[in-house]
Amino acid sequence: MVPTKKGRGQRNVAPWFFAQDGGFYVRCRYGFRYLHFQDDNNALFVRDLHGVGSALNALAAAAQNGELDEAIAQSIVRGRQ
């Protein structure tokens, strides 16, 4: 839980990863929507907790290089439908 901007309460913060299938799935959000990657998947699978950090670093680098622009554009289009 984190405080809200006006300090009147707290809100839950959803984690960017979750454990399942013997590993971890890492998801990336743009606003309220999850970004979809190859084959319309909205998560990257990693085998261990160390891989979660590597996946998050890779997503940050991809965002800085503009590689997520297409996924962001598709999430906006999906939201309008």
PDB file of N, CA and C in Angstrom:
ATOM      1  N   MET A   1       0.843  -1.170   0.000  1.00  0.00           N
ATOM      2  CA  MET A   1       0.000   0.000   0.000  1.00  0.00           C
ATOM      3  C   MET A   1       0.893   1.239   0.000  1.00  0.00           C
ATOM      4  N   VAL A   2       0.491   2.222  -0.791  1.00  0.00           N
ATOM      5  CA  VAL A   2       1.194   3.504  -0.827  1.00  0.00           C
ATOM      6  C   VAL A   2       0.183   4.614  -0.591  1.00  0.00           C
ATOM      7  N   PRO A   3       0.628   5.729  -0.027  1.00  0.00           N
ATOM      8  CA  PRO A   3      -0.309   6.838   0.190  1.00  0.00           C
ATOM      9  C   PRO A   3      -0.745   7.447  -1.143  1.00  0.00           C
ATOM     10  N   THR A   4      -1.953   7.967  -1.187  1.00  0.00           N
ATOM     11  CA  THR A   4      -2.429   8.650  -2.377  1.00  0.00           C
ATOM     12  C   THR A   4      -1.782  10.028  -2.463  1.00  0.00           C
ATOM     13  N   LYS A   5      -1.914  10.687  -3.600  1.00  0.00           N
ATOM     14  CA  LYS A   5      -1.278  11.984  -3.804  1.00  0.00           C
ATOM     15  C   LYS A   5      -1.743  13.035  -2.802  1.00  0.00           C
ATOM     16  N   LYS A   6      -3.007  13.018  -2.497  1.00  0.00           N
ATOM     17  CA  LYS A   6      -3.539  14.032  -1.576  1.00  0.00           C
ATOM     18  C   LYS A   6      -3.431  13.597  -0.118  1.00  0.00           C
ATOM     19  N   GLY A   7      -2.907  12.394   0.120  1.00  0.00           N
ATOM     20  CA  GLY A   7      -2.694  11.930   1.476  1.00  0.00           C
ATOM     21  C   GLY A   7      -3.945  11.535   2.231  1.00  0.00           C
ATOM     22  N   ARG A   8      -5.039  11.292   1.538  1.00  0.00           N
ATOM     23  CA  ARG A   8      -6.303  10.961   2.197  1.00  0.00           C
ATOM     24  C   ARG A   8      -6.515   9.471   2.389  1.00  0.00           C
ATOM     25  N   GLY A   9      -5.627   8.668   1.943  1.00  0.00           N
ATOM     26  CA  GLY A   9      -5.809   7.233   2.075  1.00  0.00           C
ATOM     27  C   GLY A   9      -4.644   6.498   1.456  1.00  0.00           C
ATOM     28  N   GLN A  10      -4.853   5.216   1.224  1.00  0.00           N
ATOM     29  CA  GLN A  10      -3.834   4.388   0.615  1.00  0.00           C
ATOM     30  C   GLN A  10      -4.442   3.602  -0.527  1.00  0.00           C
ATOM     31  N   ARG A  11      -3.601   3.212  -1.462  1.00  0.00           N
ATOM     32  CA  ARG A  11      -4.073   2.400  -2.566  1.00  0.00           C
ATOM     33  C   ARG A  11      -3.137   1.221  -2.739  1.00  0.00           C
ATOM     34  N   ASN A  12      -3.680   0.127  -3.222  1.00  0.00           N
ATOM     35  CA  ASN A  12      -2.886  -1.066  -3.488  1.00  0.00           C
ATOM     36  C   ASN A  12      -2.075  -0.867  -4.754  1.00  0.00           C
ATOM     37  N   VAL A  13      -0.866  -1.370  -4.745  1.00  0.00           N
ATOM     38  CA  VAL A  13      -0.010  -1.343  -5.924  1.00  0.00           C
ATOM     39  C   VAL A  13       0.153  -2.779  -6.394  1.00  0.00           C
ATOM     40  N   ALA A  14      -0.258  -3.050  -7.610  1.00  0.00           N
ATOM     41  CA  ALA A  14      -0.166  -4.408  -8.145  1.00  0.00           C
ATOM     42  C   ALA A  14       1.288  -4.717  -8.497  1.00  0.00           C
ATOM     43  N   PRO A  15       1.755  -5.911  -8.167  1.00  0.00           N
ATOM     44  CA  PRO A  15       3.125  -6.273  -8.516  1.00  0.00           C
ATOM     45  C   PRO A  15       3.272  -6.467 -10.030  1.00  0.00           C
ATOM     46  N   TRP A  16       4.491  -6.285 -10.514  1.00  0.00           N
ATOM     47  CA  TRP A  16       4.768  -6.453 -11.935  1.00  0.00           C
ATOM     48  C   TRP A  16       5.050  -7.895 -12.294  1.00  0.00           C
ATOM     49  N   PHE A  17       5.119  -8.779 -11.301  1.00  0.00           N
ATOM     50  CA  PHE A  17       5.408 -10.185 -11.581  1.00  0.00           C
ATOM     51  C   PHE A  17       4.629 -11.069 -10.612  1.00  0.00           C
ATOM     52  N   PHE A  18       4.447 -12.332 -11.005  1.00  0.00           N
ATOM     53  CA  PHE A  18       3.784 -13.300 -10.141  1.00  0.00           C
ATOM     54  C   PHE A  18       4.352 -14.683 -10.429  1.00  0.00           C
ATOM     55  N   ALA A  19       4.308 -15.552  -9.400  1.00  0.00           N
ATOM     56  CA  ALA A  19       4.833 -16.911  -9.518  1.00  0.00           C
ATOM     57  C   ALA A  19       3.759 -17.839 -10.064  1.00  0.00           C
ATOM     58  N   GLN A  20       4.161 -18.665 -11.037  1.00  0.00           N
ATOM     59  CA  GLN A  20       3.248 -19.650 -11.610  1.00  0.00           C
ATOM     60  C   GLN A  20       4.045 -20.565 -12.527  1.00  0.00           C
ATOM     61  N   ASP A  21       3.636 -21.815 -12.666  1.00  0.00           N
ATOM     62  CA  ASP A  21       4.253 -22.780 -13.582  1.00  0.00           C
ATOM     63  C   ASP A  21       5.736 -23.000 -13.306  1.00  0.00           C
ATOM     64  N   GLY A  22       6.155 -22.952 -12.056  1.00  0.00           N
ATOM     65  CA  GLY A  22       7.544 -23.216 -11.711  1.00  0.00           C
ATOM     66  C   GLY A  22       8.490 -22.079 -12.033  1.00  0.00           C
ATOM     67  N   GLY A  23       7.969 -20.885 -12.248  1.00  0.00           N
ATOM     68  CA  GLY A  23       8.797 -19.724 -12.549  1.00  0.00           C
ATOM     69  C   GLY A  23       8.013 -18.461 -12.238  1.00  0.00           C
ATOM     70  N   PHE A  24       8.383 -17.397 -12.906  1.00  0.00           N
ATOM     71  CA  PHE A  24       7.727 -16.114 -12.681  1.00  0.00           C
ATOM     72  C   PHE A  24       7.322 -15.497 -14.013  1.00  0.00           C
ATOM     73  N   TYR A  25       6.175 -14.852 -14.027  1.00  0.00           N
ATOM     74  CA  TYR A  25       5.712 -14.097 -15.182  1.00  0.00           C
ATOM     75  C   TYR A  25       5.856 -12.611 -14.860  1.00  0.00           C
ATOM     76  N   VAL A  26       6.445 -11.871 -15.784  1.00  0.00           N
ATOM     77  CA  VAL A  26       6.665 -10.431 -15.619  1.00  0.00           C
ATOM     78  C   VAL A  26       5.785  -9.712 -16.637  1.00  0.00           C
ATOM     79  N   ARG A  27       4.984  -8.753 -16.149  1.00  0.00           N
ATOM     80  CA  ARG A  27       4.097  -7.995 -17.035  1.00  0.00           C
ATOM     81  C   ARG A  27       4.467  -6.517 -16.999  1.00  0.00           C
ATOM     82  N   CYS A  28       4.173  -5.849 -18.085  1.00  0.00           N
ATOM     83  CA  CYS A  28       4.449  -4.418 -18.205  1.00  0.00           C
ATOM     84  C   CYS A  28       3.138  -3.707 -18.503  1.00  0.00           C
ATOM     85  N   ARG A  29       2.885  -2.618 -17.786  1.00  0.00           N
ATOM     86  CA  ARG A  29       1.643  -1.878 -17.968  1.00  0.00           C
ATOM     87  C   ARG A  29       1.913  -0.514 -18.579  1.00  0.00           C
ATOM     88  N   TYR A  30       0.931  -0.052 -19.322  1.00  0.00           N
ATOM     89  CA  TYR A  30       0.885   1.316 -19.808  1.00  0.00           C
ATOM     90  C   TYR A  30      -0.461   1.851 -19.357  1.00  0.00           C
ATOM     91  N   GLY A  31      -0.452   2.693 -18.353  1.00  0.00           N
ATOM     92  CA  GLY A  31      -1.709   3.155 -17.765  1.00  0.00           C
ATOM     93  C   GLY A  31      -2.382   2.001 -17.058  1.00  0.00           C
ATOM     94  N   PHE A  32      -3.623   1.714 -17.419  1.00  0.00           N
ATOM     95  CA  PHE A  32      -4.362   0.629 -16.802  1.00  0.00           C
ATOM     96  C   PHE A  32      -4.293  -0.662 -17.597  1.00  0.00           C
ATOM     97  N   ARG A  33      -3.595  -0.665 -18.718  1.00  0.00           N
ATOM     98  CA  ARG A  33      -3.572  -1.824 -19.602  1.00  0.00           C
ATOM     99  C   ARG A  33      -2.199  -2.500 -19.602  1.00  0.00           C
ATOM    100  N   TYR A  34      -2.230  -3.829 -19.711  1.00  0.00           N
ATOM    101  CA  TYR A  34      -0.987  -4.579 -19.858  1.00  0.00           C
ATOM    102  C   TYR A  34      -0.569  -4.546 -21.321  1.00  0.00           C
ATOM    103  N   LEU A  35       0.708  -4.388 -21.553  1.00  0.00           N
ATOM    104  CA  LEU A  35       1.224  -4.413 -22.921  1.00  0.00           C
ATOM    105  C   LEU A  35       1.308  -5.852 -23.395  1.00  0.00           C
ATOM    106  N   HIS A  36       0.976  -6.085 -24.662  1.00  0.00           N
ATOM    107  CA  HIS A  36       1.040  -7.413 -25.258  1.00  0.00           C
ATOM    108  C   HIS A  36       2.314  -7.521 -26.070  1.00  0.00           C
ATOM    109  N   PHE A  37       2.999  -8.657 -25.905  1.00  0.00           N
ATOM    110  CA  PHE A  37       4.244  -8.910 -26.618  1.00  0.00           C
ATOM    111  C   PHE A  37       3.983  -9.933 -27.714  1.00  0.00           C
ATOM    112  N   GLN A  38       5.008 -10.678 -28.130  1.00  0.00           N
ATOM    113  CA  GLN A  38       4.876 -11.636 -29.222  1.00  0.00           C
ATOM    114  C   GLN A  38       3.728 -12.602 -28.977  1.00  0.00           C
ATOM    115  N   ASP A  39       3.070 -12.993 -30.026  1.00  0.00           N
ATOM    116  CA  ASP A  39       1.950 -13.943 -29.979  1.00  0.00           C
ATOM    117  C   ASP A  39       0.841 -13.497 -29.033  1.00  0.00           C
ATOM    118  N   ASP A  40       0.673 -12.202 -28.868  1.00  0.00           N
ATOM    119  CA  ASP A  40      -0.410 -11.635 -28.058  1.00  0.00           C
ATOM    120  C   ASP A  40      -0.311 -12.014 -26.582  1.00  0.00           C
ATOM    121  N   ASN A  41       0.890 -12.349 -26.098  1.00  0.00           N
ATOM    122  CA  ASN A  41       1.095 -12.629 -24.675  1.00  0.00           C
ATOM    123  C   ASN A  41       1.314 -11.318 -23.931  1.00  0.00           C
ATOM    124  N   ASN A  42       0.788 -11.235 -22.716  1.00  0.00           N
ATOM    125  CA  ASN A  42       0.977 -10.019 -21.944  1.00  0.00           C
ATOM    126  C   ASN A  42       1.982 -10.210 -20.811  1.00  0.00           C
ATOM    127  N   ALA A  43       2.789 -11.299 -20.879  1.00  0.00           N
ATOM    128  CA  ALA A  43       3.773 -11.540 -19.833  1.00  0.00           C
ATOM    129  C   ALA A  43       4.998 -12.241 -20.408  1.00  0.00           C
ATOM    130  N   LEU A  44       6.136 -11.992 -19.772  1.00  0.00           N
ATOM    131  CA  LEU A  44       7.379 -12.677 -20.109  1.00  0.00           C
ATOM    132  C   LEU A  44       7.643 -13.708 -19.022  1.00  0.00           C
ATOM    133  N   PHE A  45       8.031 -14.926 -19.394  1.00  0.00           N
ATOM    134  CA  PHE A  45       8.289 -15.980 -18.422  1.00  0.00           C
ATOM    135  C   PHE A  45       9.777 -16.069 -18.126  1.00  0.00           C
ATOM    136  N   VAL A  46      10.123 -16.105 -16.843  1.00  0.00           N
ATOM    137  CA  VAL A  46      11.498 -16.330 -16.406  1.00  0.00           C
ATOM    138  C   VAL A  46      11.494 -17.458 -15.377  1.00  0.00           C
ATOM    139  N   ARG A  47      12.596 -18.175 -15.280  1.00  0.00           N
ATOM    140  CA  ARG A  47      12.647 -19.370 -14.430  1.00  0.00           C
ATOM    141  C   ARG A  47      12.912 -19.084 -12.961  1.00  0.00           C
ATOM    142  N   ASP A  48      13.613 -17.991 -12.629  1.00  0.00           N
ATOM    143  CA  ASP A  48      13.935 -17.739 -11.227  1.00  0.00           C
ATOM    144  C   ASP A  48      13.759 -16.264 -10.890  1.00  0.00           C
ATOM    145  N   LEU A  49      13.869 -15.948  -9.607  1.00  0.00           N
ATOM    146  CA  LEU A  49      13.642 -14.587  -9.147  1.00  0.00           C
ATOM    147  C   LEU A  49      14.696 -13.624  -9.692  1.00  0.00           C
ATOM    148  N   HIS A  50      15.914 -14.097  -9.906  1.00  0.00           N
ATOM    149  CA  HIS A  50      16.956 -13.253 -10.499  1.00  0.00           C
ATOM    150  C   HIS A  50      16.557 -12.836 -11.914  1.00  0.00           C
ATOM    151  N   GLY A  51      15.867 -13.716 -12.618  1.00  0.00           N
ATOM    152  CA  GLY A  51      15.412 -13.405 -13.968  1.00  0.00           C
ATOM    153  C   GLY A  51      14.366 -12.300 -14.007  1.00  0.00           C
ATOM    154  N   VAL A  52      13.640 -12.120 -12.911  1.00  0.00           N
ATOM    155  CA  VAL A  52      12.642 -11.041 -12.848  1.00  0.00           C
ATOM    156  C   VAL A  52      13.336  -9.690 -12.982  1.00  0.00           C
ATOM    157  N   GLY A  53      14.424  -9.510 -12.238  1.00  0.00           N
ATOM    158  CA  GLY A  53      15.176  -8.262 -12.327  1.00  0.00           C
ATOM    159  C   GLY A  53      15.746  -8.044 -13.709  1.00  0.00           C
ATOM    160  N   SER A  54      16.249  -9.100 -14.320  1.00  0.00           N
ATOM    161  CA  SER A  54      16.791  -8.998 -15.676  1.00  0.00           C
ATOM    162  C   SER A  54      15.701  -8.634 -16.678  1.00  0.00           C
ATOM    163  N   ALA A  55      14.517  -9.236 -16.511  1.00  0.00           N
ATOM    164  CA  ALA A  55      13.401  -8.935 -17.411  1.00  0.00           C
ATOM    165  C   ALA A  55      12.950  -7.486 -17.253  1.00  0.00           C
ATOM    166  N   LEU A  56      12.894  -6.996 -16.016  1.00  0.00           N
ATOM    167  CA  LEU A  56      12.495  -5.607 -15.780  1.00  0.00           C
ATOM    168  C   LEU A  56      13.537  -4.649 -16.372  1.00  0.00           C
ATOM    169  N   ASN A  57      14.821  -4.980 -16.243  1.00  0.00           N
ATOM    170  CA  ASN A  57      15.870  -4.155 -16.856  1.00  0.00           C
ATOM    171  C   ASN A  57      15.762  -4.163 -18.369  1.00  0.00           C
ATOM    172  N   ALA A  58      15.450  -5.317 -18.952  1.00  0.00           N
ATOM    173  CA  ALA A  58      15.286  -5.416 -20.400  1.00  0.00           C
ATOM    174  C   ALA A  58      14.090  -4.593 -20.869  1.00  0.00           C
ATOM    175  N   LEU A  59      12.985  -4.619 -20.099  1.00  0.00           N
ATOM    176  CA  LEU A  59      11.818  -3.813 -20.453  1.00  0.00           C
ATOM    177  C   LEU A  59      12.130  -2.322 -20.364  1.00  0.00           C
ATOM    178  N   ALA A  60      12.897  -1.920 -19.352  1.00  0.00           N
ATOM    179  CA  ALA A  60      13.277  -0.514 -19.219  1.00  0.00           C
ATOM    180  C   ALA A  60      14.147  -0.078 -20.388  1.00  0.00           C
ATOM    181  N   ALA A  61      15.092  -0.914 -20.783  1.00  0.00           N
ATOM    182  CA  ALA A  61      15.957  -0.588 -21.920  1.00  0.00           C
ATOM    183  C   ALA A  61      15.151  -0.522 -23.217  1.00  0.00           C
ATOM    184  N   ALA A  62      14.201  -1.450 -23.374  1.00  0.00           N
ATOM    185  CA  ALA A  62      13.360  -1.441 -24.574  1.00  0.00           C
ATOM    186  C   ALA A  62      12.509  -0.182 -24.631  1.00  0.00           C
ATOM    187  N   ALA A  63      12.011   0.262 -23.489  1.00  0.00           N
ATOM    188  CA  ALA A  63      11.211   1.494 -23.453  1.00  0.00           C
ATOM    189  C   ALA A  63      12.062   2.700 -23.828  1.00  0.00           C
ATOM    190  N   GLN A  64      13.291   2.758 -23.326  1.00  0.00           N
ATOM    191  CA  GLN A  64      14.171   3.886 -23.644  1.00  0.00           C
ATOM    192  C   GLN A  64      14.566   3.903 -25.112  1.00  0.00           C
ATOM    193  N   ASN A  65      14.659   2.723 -25.721  1.00  0.00           N
ATOM    194  CA  ASN A  65      15.045   2.637 -27.134  1.00  0.00           C
ATOM    195  C   ASN A  65      13.859   2.735 -28.084  1.00  0.00           C
ATOM    196  N   GLY A  66      12.655   2.891 -27.553  1.00  0.00           N
ATOM    197  CA  GLY A  66      11.467   3.023 -28.388  1.00  0.00           C
ATOM    198  C   GLY A  66      10.930   1.704 -28.907  1.00  0.00           C
ATOM    199  N   GLU A  67      11.414   0.587 -28.375  1.00  0.00           N
ATOM    200  CA  GLU A  67      10.996  -0.721 -28.864  1.00  0.00           C
ATOM    201  C   GLU A  67       9.602  -1.120 -28.375  1.00  0.00           C
ATOM    202  N   LEU A  68       9.059  -0.428 -27.398  1.00  0.00           N
ATOM    203  CA  LEU A  68       7.721  -0.738 -26.893  1.00  0.00           C
ATOM    204  C   LEU A  68       6.646   0.173 -27.501  1.00  0.00           C
ATOM    205  N   ASP A  69       7.053   1.064 -28.389  1.00  0.00           N
ATOM    206  CA  ASP A  69       6.101   2.013 -28.967  1.00  0.00           C
ATOM    207  C   ASP A  69       4.949   1.314 -29.680  1.00  0.00           C
ATOM    208  N   GLU A  70       5.249   0.243 -30.427  1.00  0.00           N
ATOM    209  CA  GLU A  70       4.203  -0.483 -31.149  1.00  0.00           C
ATOM    210  C   GLU A  70       3.233  -1.154 -30.174  1.00  0.00           C
ATOM    211  N   ALA A  71       3.765  -1.750 -29.116  1.00  0.00           N
ATOM    212  CA  ALA A  71       2.900  -2.397 -28.122  1.00  0.00           C
ATOM    213  C   ALA A  71       2.027  -1.369 -27.416  1.00  0.00           C
ATOM    214  N   ILE A  72       2.575  -0.187 -27.150  1.00  0.00           N
ATOM    215  CA  ILE A  72       1.793   0.884 -26.523  1.00  0.00           C
ATOM    216  C   ILE A  72       0.683   1.342 -27.457  1.00  0.00           C
ATOM    217  N   ALA A  73       1.013   1.520 -28.730  1.00  0.00           N
ATOM    218  CA  ALA A  73       0.008   1.934 -29.713  1.00  0.00           C
ATOM    219  C   ALA A  73      -1.109   0.906 -29.818  1.00  0.00           C
ATOM    220  N   GLN A  74      -0.769  -0.372 -29.793  1.00  0.00           N
ATOM    221  CA  GLN A  74      -1.791  -1.419 -29.860  1.00  0.00           C
ATOM    222  C   GLN A  74      -2.663  -1.425 -28.613  1.00  0.00           C
ATOM    223  N   SER A  75      -2.084  -1.137 -27.456  1.00  0.00           N
ATOM    224  CA  SER A  75      -2.898  -1.113 -26.232  1.00  0.00           C
ATOM    225  C   SER A  75      -3.890   0.044 -26.257  1.00  0.00           C
ATOM    226  N   ILE A  76      -3.499   1.154 -26.871  1.00  0.00           N
ATOM    227  CA  ILE A  76      -4.413   2.294 -26.996  1.00  0.00           C
ATOM    228  C   ILE A  76      -5.559   1.941 -27.922  1.00  0.00           C
ATOM    229  N   VAL A  77      -5.266   1.276 -29.028  1.00  0.00           N
ATOM    230  CA  VAL A  77      -6.304   0.877 -29.973  1.00  0.00           C
ATOM    231  C   VAL A  77      -7.264  -0.113 -29.325  1.00  0.00           C
ATOM    232  N   ARG A  78      -6.732  -1.078 -28.569  1.00  0.00           N
ATOM    233  CA  ARG A  78      -7.592  -2.060 -27.883  1.00  0.00           C
ATOM    234  C   ARG A  78      -8.520  -1.382 -26.878  1.00  0.00           C
ATOM    235  N   GLY A  79      -8.025  -0.339 -26.233  1.00  0.00           N
ATOM    236  CA  GLY A  79      -8.827   0.364 -25.245  1.00  0.00           C
ATOM    237  C   GLY A  79      -9.992   1.121 -25.856  1.00  0.00           C
ATOM    238  N   ARG A  80      -9.855   1.531 -27.078  1.00  0.00           N
ATOM    239  CA  ARG A  80     -10.922   2.296 -27.747  1.00  0.00           C
ATOM    240  C   ARG A  80     -12.020   1.403 -28.299  1.00  0.00           C
ATOM    241  N   GLN A  81     -11.736   0.132 -28.450  1.00  0.00           N
ATOM    242  CA  GLN A  81     -12.723  -0.776 -29.057  1.00  0.00           C
ATOM    243  C   GLN A  81     -13.764  -1.207 -28.075  1.00  0.00           C
TER     244      GLN A  81
END
